[in-house]
Amino acid sequence: MTVTATVPTANASRYLQQLSKHWSHKFDVTFDAEKSAIAFPMGALRMEAQADALVVTLDPAPEADIDRFKQVVADHLDRFAFKEAPLAFDWK
């Protein structure tokens, strides 16, 4: 079950790159200024920077705790977005 959140922010590219660099020390990460893919043990995280939002997509592994996965991602993004945190995640 894929879940996606569109997170309103004018700093989407910055947060995408910061978070990707942060997690690249532990996980397989590919990213540029607009897109990111991170392979977590609990599933895949993809991010896409838009002009006014960061689109966050989770593809959890079958055994993954989806709520925990969402919380880990939201907590880390809020840390990098401390000036405008907490960010609004509308998970669908």
PDB file of N, CA and C in Angstrom:
ATOM      1  N   MET A   1       0.837  -1.178   0.000  1.00  0.00           N
ATOM      2  CA  MET A   1       0.000   0.000   0.000  1.00  0.00           C
ATOM      3  C   MET A   1       0.888   1.249   0.000  1.00  0.00           C
ATOM      4  N   THR A   2       0.859   1.993  -1.062  1.00  0.00           N
ATOM      5  CA  THR A   2       1.633   3.229  -1.175  1.00  0.00           C
ATOM      6  C   THR A   2       0.884   4.365  -0.487  1.00  0.00           C
ATOM      7  N   VAL A   3       1.614   5.179   0.272  1.00  0.00           N
ATOM      8  CA  VAL A   3       1.018   6.361   0.895  1.00  0.00           C
ATOM      9  C   VAL A   3       1.809   7.583   0.447  1.00  0.00           C
ATOM     10  N   THR A   4       1.073   8.673   0.208  1.00  0.00           N
ATOM     11  CA  THR A   4       1.690   9.903  -0.302  1.00  0.00           C
ATOM     12  C   THR A   4       1.196  11.092   0.500  1.00  0.00           C
ATOM     13  N   ALA A   5       2.105  12.041   0.730  1.00  0.00           N
ATOM     14  CA  ALA A   5       1.735  13.303   1.368  1.00  0.00           C
ATOM     15  C   ALA A   5       2.293  14.441   0.530  1.00  0.00           C
ATOM     16  N   THR A   6       1.485  15.463   0.338  1.00  0.00           N
ATOM     17  CA  THR A   6       1.936  16.691  -0.304  1.00  0.00           C
ATOM     18  C   THR A   6       2.123  17.709   0.814  1.00  0.00           C
ATOM     19  N   VAL A   7       3.375  18.072   1.051  1.00  0.00           N
ATOM     20  CA  VAL A   7       3.739  18.913   2.190  1.00  0.00           C
ATOM     21  C   VAL A   7       4.004  20.335   1.696  1.00  0.00           C
ATOM     22  N   PRO A   8       3.134  21.286   2.056  1.00  0.00           N
ATOM     23  CA  PRO A   8       3.327  22.662   1.583  1.00  0.00           C
ATOM     24  C   PRO A   8       4.606  23.282   2.160  1.00  0.00           C
ATOM     25  N   THR A   9       5.479  23.765   1.278  1.00  0.00           N
ATOM     26  CA  THR A   9       6.696  24.470   1.673  1.00  0.00           C
ATOM     27  C   THR A   9       7.333  25.089   0.435  1.00  0.00           C
ATOM     28  N   ALA A  10       7.910  26.242   0.610  1.00  0.00           N
ATOM     29  CA  ALA A  10       8.643  26.885  -0.489  1.00  0.00           C
ATOM     30  C   ALA A  10      10.081  26.379  -0.548  1.00  0.00           C
ATOM     31  N   ASN A  11      10.476  25.538   0.417  1.00  0.00           N
ATOM     32  CA  ASN A  11      11.855  25.052   0.518  1.00  0.00           C
ATOM     33  C   ASN A  11      11.977  23.569   0.204  1.00  0.00           C
ATOM     34  N   ALA A  12      11.123  23.052  -0.637  1.00  0.00           N
ATOM     35  CA  ALA A  12      11.076  21.614  -0.911  1.00  0.00           C
ATOM     36  C   ALA A  12      12.415  21.060  -1.394  1.00  0.00           C
ATOM     37  N   SER A  13      13.045  21.723  -2.333  1.00  0.00           N
ATOM     38  CA  SER A  13      14.309  21.219  -2.873  1.00  0.00           C
ATOM     39  C   SER A  13      15.387  21.176  -1.794  1.00  0.00           C
ATOM     40  N   ARG A  14      15.457  22.195  -0.980  1.00  0.00           N
ATOM     41  CA  ARG A  14      16.456  22.238   0.093  1.00  0.00           C
ATOM     42  C   ARG A  14      16.251  21.078   1.068  1.00  0.00           C
ATOM     43  N   TYR A  15      15.016  20.873   1.504  1.00  0.00           N
ATOM     44  CA  TYR A  15      14.750  19.801   2.461  1.00  0.00           C
ATOM     45  C   TYR A  15      15.002  18.431   1.849  1.00  0.00           C
ATOM     46  N   LEU A  16      14.611  18.254   0.596  1.00  0.00           N
ATOM     47  CA  LEU A  16      14.849  16.992  -0.103  1.00  0.00           C
ATOM     48  C   LEU A  16      16.349  16.681  -0.119  1.00  0.00           C
ATOM     49  N   GLN A  17      17.158  17.660  -0.476  1.00  0.00           N
ATOM     50  CA  GLN A  17      18.600  17.438  -0.569  1.00  0.00           C
ATOM     51  C   GLN A  17      19.225  17.215   0.810  1.00  0.00           C
ATOM     52  N   GLN A  18      18.808  17.997   1.813  1.00  0.00           N
ATOM     53  CA  GLN A  18      19.357  17.827   3.160  1.00  0.00           C
ATOM     54  C   GLN A  18      19.043  16.440   3.708  1.00  0.00           C
ATOM     55  N   LEU A  19      17.786  16.024   3.565  1.00  0.00           N
ATOM     56  CA  LEU A  19      17.378  14.732   4.092  1.00  0.00           C
ATOM     57  C   LEU A  19      18.061  13.597   3.333  1.00  0.00           C
ATOM     58  N   SER A  20      18.195  13.743   2.034  1.00  0.00           N
ATOM     59  CA  SER A  20      18.866  12.718   1.235  1.00  0.00           C
ATOM     60  C   SER A  20      20.333  12.580   1.642  1.00  0.00           C
ATOM     61  N   LYS A  21      21.018  13.696   1.811  1.00  0.00           N
ATOM     62  CA  LYS A  21      22.422  13.643   2.250  1.00  0.00           C
ATOM     63  C   LYS A  21      22.533  13.019   3.634  1.00  0.00           C
ATOM     64  N   HIS A  22      21.620  13.401   4.525  1.00  0.00           N
ATOM     65  CA  HIS A  22      21.616  12.879   5.896  1.00  0.00           C
ATOM     66  C   HIS A  22      21.513  11.353   5.890  1.00  0.00           C
ATOM     67  N   TRP A  23      20.585  10.816   5.110  1.00  0.00           N
ATOM     68  CA  TRP A  23      20.360   9.381   5.111  1.00  0.00           C
ATOM     69  C   TRP A  23      21.317   8.619   4.199  1.00  0.00           C
ATOM     70  N   SER A  24      22.079   9.317   3.364  1.00  0.00           N
ATOM     71  CA  SER A  24      22.997   8.627   2.448  1.00  0.00           C
ATOM     72  C   SER A  24      24.134   7.930   3.188  1.00  0.00           C
ATOM     73  N   HIS A  25      24.346   8.268   4.457  1.00  0.00           N
ATOM     74  CA  HIS A  25      25.399   7.624   5.250  1.00  0.00           C
ATOM     75  C   HIS A  25      24.975   6.238   5.734  1.00  0.00           C
ATOM     76  N   LYS A  26      23.657   5.986   5.733  1.00  0.00           N
ATOM     77  CA  LYS A  26      23.146   4.713   6.247  1.00  0.00           C
ATOM     78  C   LYS A  26      22.440   3.859   5.207  1.00  0.00           C
ATOM     79  N   PHE A  27      21.872   4.510   4.171  1.00  0.00           N
ATOM     80  CA  PHE A  27      21.024   3.800   3.217  1.00  0.00           C
ATOM     81  C   PHE A  27      21.449   4.107   1.787  1.00  0.00           C
ATOM     82  N   ASP A  28      20.945   3.290   0.851  1.00  0.00           N
ATOM     83  CA  ASP A  28      21.189   3.526  -0.568  1.00  0.00           C
ATOM     84  C   ASP A  28      20.295   4.690  -1.010  1.00  0.00           C
ATOM     85  N   VAL A  29      20.923   5.793  -1.435  1.00  0.00           N
ATOM     86  CA  VAL A  29      20.201   7.023  -1.768  1.00  0.00           C
ATOM     87  C   VAL A  29      20.650   7.534  -3.133  1.00  0.00           C
ATOM     88  N   THR A  30      19.689   7.932  -3.965  1.00  0.00           N
ATOM     89  CA  THR A  30      19.980   8.658  -5.198  1.00  0.00           C
ATOM     90  C   THR A  30      19.113   9.907  -5.185  1.00  0.00           C
ATOM     91  N   PHE A  31      19.720  11.040  -5.544  1.00  0.00           N
ATOM     92  CA  PHE A  31      18.943  12.279  -5.537  1.00  0.00           C
ATOM     93  C   PHE A  31      19.593  13.355  -6.373  1.00  0.00           C
ATOM     94  N   ASP A  32      18.766  14.320  -6.768  1.00  0.00           N
ATOM     95  CA  ASP A  32      19.227  15.560  -7.362  1.00  0.00           C
ATOM     96  C   ASP A  32      18.360  16.654  -6.734  1.00  0.00           C
ATOM     97  N   ALA A  33      18.320  17.824  -7.326  1.00  0.00           N
ATOM     98  CA  ALA A  33      17.586  18.939  -6.722  1.00  0.00           C
ATOM     99  C   ALA A  33      16.071  18.747  -6.743  1.00  0.00           C
ATOM    100  N   GLU A  34      15.572  17.867  -7.631  1.00  0.00           N
ATOM    101  CA  GLU A  34      14.124  17.696  -7.756  1.00  0.00           C
ATOM    102  C   GLU A  34      13.580  16.367  -7.259  1.00  0.00           C
ATOM    103  N   LYS A  35      14.396  15.315  -7.270  1.00  0.00           N
ATOM    104  CA  LYS A  35      13.882  13.989  -6.919  1.00  0.00           C
ATOM    105  C   LYS A  35      14.867  13.237  -6.042  1.00  0.00           C
ATOM    106  N   SER A  36      14.295  12.355  -5.219  1.00  0.00           N
ATOM    107  CA  SER A  36      15.117  11.542  -4.340  1.00  0.00           C
ATOM    108  C   SER A  36      14.484  10.167  -4.186  1.00  0.00           C
ATOM    109  N   ALA A  37      15.314   9.158  -4.050  1.00  0.00           N
ATOM    110  CA  ALA A  37      14.868   7.795  -3.750  1.00  0.00           C
ATOM    111  C   ALA A  37      15.786   7.235  -2.667  1.00  0.00           C
ATOM    112  N   ILE A  38      15.174   6.750  -1.590  1.00  0.00           N
ATOM    113  CA  ILE A  38      15.932   6.225  -0.457  1.00  0.00           C
ATOM    114  C   ILE A  38      15.402   4.834  -0.134  1.00  0.00           C
ATOM    115  N   ALA A  39      16.313   3.865  -0.060  1.00  0.00           N
ATOM    116  CA  ALA A  39      15.946   2.482   0.238  1.00  0.00           C
ATOM    117  C   ALA A  39      16.126   2.226   1.728  1.00  0.00           C
ATOM    118  N   PHE A  40      15.017   2.192   2.456  1.00  0.00           N
ATOM    119  CA  PHE A  40      15.028   1.875   3.879  1.00  0.00           C
ATOM    120  C   PHE A  40      14.774   0.391   4.057  1.00  0.00           C
ATOM    121  N   PRO A  41      15.182  -0.184   5.183  1.00  0.00           N
ATOM    122  CA  PRO A  41      14.822  -1.570   5.464  1.00  0.00           C
ATOM    123  C   PRO A  41      13.294  -1.752   5.508  1.00  0.00           C
ATOM    124  N   MET A  42      12.548  -0.708   5.922  1.00  0.00           N
ATOM    125  CA  MET A  42      11.086  -0.813   6.031  1.00  0.00           C
ATOM    126  C   MET A  42      10.365  -0.472   4.733  1.00  0.00           C
ATOM    127  N   GLY A  43      11.115  -0.107   3.682  1.00  0.00           N
ATOM    128  CA  GLY A  43      10.506   0.189   2.388  1.00  0.00           C
ATOM    129  C   GLY A  43      11.185   1.353   1.698  1.00  0.00           C
ATOM    130  N   ALA A  44      10.606   1.773   0.588  1.00  0.00           N
ATOM    131  CA  ALA A  44      11.188   2.850  -0.215  1.00  0.00           C
ATOM    132  C   ALA A  44      10.536   4.192   0.109  1.00  0.00           C
ATOM    133  N   LEU A  45      11.362   5.218   0.115  1.00  0.00           N
ATOM    134  CA  LEU A  45      10.901   6.600   0.268  1.00  0.00           C
ATOM    135  C   LEU A  45      11.301   7.340  -0.994  1.00  0.00           C
ATOM    136  N   ARG A  46      10.324   8.020  -1.609  1.00  0.00           N
ATOM    137  CA  ARG A  46      10.603   8.877  -2.759  1.00  0.00           C
ATOM    138  C   ARG A  46      10.121  10.278  -2.426  1.00  0.00           C
ATOM    139  N   MET A  47      10.877  11.266  -2.856  1.00  0.00           N
ATOM    140  CA  MET A  47      10.481  12.654  -2.664  1.00  0.00           C
ATOM    141  C   MET A  47      10.626  13.396  -3.980  1.00  0.00           C
ATOM    142  N   GLU A  48       9.712  14.328  -4.200  1.00  0.00           N
ATOM    143  CA  GLU A  48       9.757  15.176  -5.386  1.00  0.00           C
ATOM    144  C   GLU A  48       9.522  16.617  -4.953  1.00  0.00           C
ATOM    145  N   ALA A  49      10.469  17.496  -5.301  1.00  0.00           N
ATOM    146  CA  ALA A  49      10.346  18.910  -4.959  1.00  0.00           C
ATOM    147  C   ALA A  49       9.556  19.634  -6.038  1.00  0.00           C
ATOM    148  N   GLN A  50       8.520  20.319  -5.607  1.00  0.00           N
ATOM    149  CA  GLN A  50       7.750  21.185  -6.488  1.00  0.00           C
ATOM    150  C   GLN A  50       7.954  22.621  -6.020  1.00  0.00           C
ATOM    151  N   ALA A  51       7.446  23.582  -6.755  1.00  0.00           N
ATOM    152  CA  ALA A  51       7.657  24.987  -6.408  1.00  0.00           C
ATOM    153  C   ALA A  51       7.097  25.350  -5.038  1.00  0.00           C
ATOM    154  N   ASP A  52       5.965  24.749  -4.671  1.00  0.00           N
ATOM    155  CA  ASP A  52       5.318  25.129  -3.417  1.00  0.00           C
ATOM    156  C   ASP A  52       5.023  23.939  -2.499  1.00  0.00           C
ATOM    157  N   ALA A  53       5.644  22.786  -2.781  1.00  0.00           N
ATOM    158  CA  ALA A  53       5.388  21.608  -1.956  1.00  0.00           C
ATOM    159  C   ALA A  53       6.451  20.534  -2.173  1.00  0.00           C
ATOM    160  N   LEU A  54       6.566  19.682  -1.165  1.00  0.00           N
ATOM    161  CA  LEU A  54       7.397  18.492  -1.258  1.00  0.00           C
ATOM    162  C   LEU A  54       6.450  17.296  -1.251  1.00  0.00           C
ATOM    163  N   VAL A  55       6.487  16.510  -2.324  1.00  0.00           N
ATOM    164  CA  VAL A  55       5.640  15.322  -2.419  1.00  0.00           C
ATOM    165  C   VAL A  55       6.461  14.140  -1.885  1.00  0.00           C
ATOM    166  N   VAL A  56       5.938  13.517  -0.829  1.00  0.00           N
ATOM    167  CA  VAL A  56       6.616  12.422  -0.145  1.00  0.00           C
ATOM    168  C   VAL A  56       5.806  11.145  -0.376  1.00  0.00           C
ATOM    169  N   THR A  57       6.451  10.112  -0.930  1.00  0.00           N
ATOM    170  CA  THR A  57       5.771   8.852  -1.211  1.00  0.00           C
ATOM    171  C   THR A  57       6.509   7.717  -0.512  1.00  0.00           C
ATOM    172  N   LEU A  58       5.752   6.903   0.217  1.00  0.00           N
ATOM    173  CA  LEU A  58       6.303   5.743   0.903  1.00  0.00           C
ATOM    174  C   LEU A  58       5.751   4.484   0.262  1.00  0.00           C
ATOM    175  N   ASP A  59       6.631   3.535  -0.016  1.00  0.00           N
ATOM    176  CA  ASP A  59       6.245   2.206  -0.488  1.00  0.00           C
ATOM    177  C   ASP A  59       6.718   1.215   0.569  1.00  0.00           C
ATOM    178  N   PRO A  60       5.916   1.021   1.620  1.00  0.00           N
ATOM    179  CA  PRO A  60       6.354   0.173   2.726  1.00  0.00           C
ATOM    180  C   PRO A  60       6.496  -1.294   2.342  1.00  0.00           C
ATOM    181  N   ALA A  61       7.453  -1.948   2.968  1.00  0.00           N
ATOM    182  CA  ALA A  61       7.575  -3.401   2.842  1.00  0.00           C
ATOM    183  C   ALA A  61       6.341  -4.029   3.487  1.00  0.00           C
ATOM    184  N   PRO A  62       5.974  -5.257   3.085  1.00  0.00           N
ATOM    185  CA  PRO A  62       4.753  -5.883   3.611  1.00  0.00           C
ATOM    186  C   PRO A  62       4.694  -5.939   5.143  1.00  0.00           C
ATOM    187  N   GLU A  63       5.834  -6.137   5.783  1.00  0.00           N
ATOM    188  CA  GLU A  63       5.852  -6.276   7.246  1.00  0.00           C
ATOM    189  C   GLU A  63       6.095  -4.948   7.968  1.00  0.00           C
ATOM    190  N   ALA A  64       6.216  -3.866   7.232  1.00  0.00           N
ATOM    191  CA  ALA A  64       6.561  -2.569   7.832  1.00  0.00           C
ATOM    192  C   ALA A  64       5.409  -1.984   8.645  1.00  0.00           C
ATOM    193  N   ASP A  65       5.788  -1.272   9.691  1.00  0.00           N
ATOM    194  CA  ASP A  65       4.839  -0.494  10.485  1.00  0.00           C
ATOM    195  C   ASP A  65       4.673   0.849   9.758  1.00  0.00           C
ATOM    196  N   ILE A  66       3.588   0.991   9.017  1.00  0.00           N
ATOM    197  CA  ILE A  66       3.397   2.174   8.167  1.00  0.00           C
ATOM    198  C   ILE A  66       3.333   3.456   8.995  1.00  0.00           C
ATOM    199  N   ASP A  67       2.656   3.412  10.128  1.00  0.00           N
ATOM    200  CA  ASP A  67       2.568   4.612  10.968  1.00  0.00           C
ATOM    201  C   ASP A  67       3.935   5.029  11.471  1.00  0.00           C
ATOM    202  N   ARG A  68       4.758   4.076  11.845  1.00  0.00           N
ATOM    203  CA  ARG A  68       6.125   4.378  12.308  1.00  0.00           C
ATOM    204  C   ARG A  68       6.941   4.967  11.148  1.00  0.00           C
ATOM    205  N   PHE A  69       6.828   4.392   9.964  1.00  0.00           N
ATOM    206  CA  PHE A  69       7.535   4.865   8.780  1.00  0.00           C
ATOM    207  C   PHE A  69       7.169   6.332   8.514  1.00  0.00           C
ATOM    208  N   LYS A  70       5.867   6.631   8.529  1.00  0.00           N
ATOM    209  CA  LYS A  70       5.415   8.010   8.307  1.00  0.00           C
ATOM    210  C   LYS A  70       5.982   8.942   9.378  1.00  0.00           C
ATOM    211  N   GLN A  71       5.989   8.486  10.628  1.00  0.00           N
ATOM    212  CA  GLN A  71       6.477   9.333  11.720  1.00  0.00           C
ATOM    213  C   GLN A  71       7.972   9.607  11.611  1.00  0.00           C
ATOM    214  N   VAL A  72       8.749   8.604  11.245  1.00  0.00           N
ATOM    215  CA  VAL A  72      10.202   8.778  11.089  1.00  0.00           C
ATOM    216  C   VAL A  72      10.491   9.833  10.021  1.00  0.00           C
ATOM    217  N   VAL A  73       9.812   9.726   8.896  1.00  0.00           N
ATOM    218  CA  VAL A  73      10.020  10.678   7.801  1.00  0.00           C
ATOM    219  C   VAL A  73       9.582  12.085   8.227  1.00  0.00           C
ATOM    220  N   ALA A  74       8.400  12.202   8.825  1.00  0.00           N
ATOM    221  CA  ALA A  74       7.893  13.515   9.252  1.00  0.00           C
ATOM    222  C   ALA A  74       8.804  14.147  10.302  1.00  0.00           C
ATOM    223  N   ASP A  75       9.251  13.354  11.277  1.00  0.00           N
ATOM    224  CA  ASP A  75      10.130  13.888  12.326  1.00  0.00           C
ATOM    225  C   ASP A  75      11.437  14.412  11.746  1.00  0.00           C
ATOM    226  N   HIS A  76      12.023  13.662  10.826  1.00  0.00           N
ATOM    227  CA  HIS A  76      13.288  14.098  10.228  1.00  0.00           C
ATOM    228  C   HIS A  76      13.089  15.345   9.368  1.00  0.00           C
ATOM    229  N   LEU A  77      12.029  15.395   8.590  1.00  0.00           N
ATOM    230  CA  LEU A  77      11.773  16.593   7.780  1.00  0.00           C
ATOM    231  C   LEU A  77      11.534  17.812   8.674  1.00  0.00           C
ATOM    232  N   ASP A  78      10.808  17.628   9.757  1.00  0.00           N
ATOM    233  CA  ASP A  78      10.581  18.742  10.688  1.00  0.00           C
ATOM    234  C   ASP A  78      11.879  19.246  11.291  1.00  0.00           C
ATOM    235  N   ARG A  79      12.833  18.354  11.522  1.00  0.00           N
ATOM    236  CA  ARG A  79      14.126  18.769  12.055  1.00  0.00           C
ATOM    237  C   ARG A  79      14.861  19.700  11.085  1.00  0.00           C
ATOM    238  N   PHE A  80      14.820  19.363   9.799  1.00  0.00           N
ATOM    239  CA  PHE A  80      15.478  20.208   8.802  1.00  0.00           C
ATOM    240  C   PHE A  80      14.672  21.462   8.511  1.00  0.00           C
ATOM    241  N   ALA A  81      13.373  21.403   8.741  1.00  0.00           N
ATOM    242  CA  ALA A  81      12.479  22.540   8.475  1.00  0.00           C
ATOM    243  C   ALA A  81      12.133  23.257   9.778  1.00  0.00           C
ATOM    244  N   PHE A  82      13.079  23.302  10.712  1.00  0.00           N
ATOM    245  CA  PHE A  82      12.784  23.826  12.042  1.00  0.00           C
ATOM    246  C   PHE A  82      12.194  25.225  12.035  1.00  0.00           C
ATOM    247  N   LYS A  83      12.526  26.039  11.035  1.00  0.00           N
ATOM    248  CA  LYS A  83      11.991  27.411  10.978  1.00  0.00           C
ATOM    249  C   LYS A  83      10.502  27.440  10.662  1.00  0.00           C
ATOM    250  N   GLU A  84      10.002  26.397   9.994  1.00  0.00           N
ATOM    251  CA  GLU A  84       8.582  26.367   9.646  1.00  0.00           C
ATOM    252  C   GLU A  84       7.865  25.123  10.172  1.00  0.00           C
ATOM    253  N   ALA A  85       8.547  24.358  11.007  1.00  0.00           N
ATOM    254  CA  ALA A  85       7.954  23.138  11.571  1.00  0.00           C
ATOM    255  C   ALA A  85       6.897  23.494  12.608  1.00  0.00           C
ATOM    256  N   PRO A  86       5.917  22.621  12.819  1.00  0.00           N
ATOM    257  CA  PRO A  86       5.774  21.329  12.140  1.00  0.00           C
ATOM    258  C   PRO A  86       5.142  21.489  10.758  1.00  0.00           C
ATOM    259  N   LEU A  87       5.674  20.736   9.816  1.00  0.00           N
ATOM    260  CA  LEU A  87       5.125  20.731   8.470  1.00  0.00           C
ATOM    261  C   LEU A  87       3.804  19.959   8.474  1.00  0.00           C
ATOM    262  N   ALA A  88       2.955  20.285   7.516  1.00  0.00           N
ATOM    263  CA  ALA A  88       1.647  19.635   7.412  1.00  0.00           C
ATOM    264  C   ALA A  88       1.714  18.459   6.441  1.00  0.00           C
ATOM    265  N   PHE A  89       1.536  17.248   6.972  1.00  0.00           N
ATOM    266  CA  PHE A  89       1.530  16.036   6.164  1.00  0.00           C
ATOM    267  C   PHE A  89       0.097  15.557   6.000  1.00  0.00           C
ATOM    268  N   ASP A  90      -0.397  15.523   4.772  1.00  0.00           N
ATOM    269  CA  ASP A  90      -1.762  15.052   4.493  1.00  0.00           C
ATOM    270  C   ASP A  90      -1.682  13.659   3.861  1.00  0.00           C
ATOM    271  N   TRP A  91      -1.280  12.667   4.652  1.00  0.00           N
ATOM    272  CA  TRP A  91      -1.063  11.312   4.140  1.00  0.00           C
ATOM    273  C   TRP A  91      -2.338  10.751   3.518  1.00  0.00           C
ATOM    274  N   LYS A  92      -2.176  10.158   2.332  1.00  0.00           N
ATOM    275  CA  LYS A  92      -3.301   9.528   1.621  1.00  0.00           C
ATOM    276  C   LYS A  92      -2.870   8.176   1.093  1.00  0.00           C
TER     277      LYS A  92
END
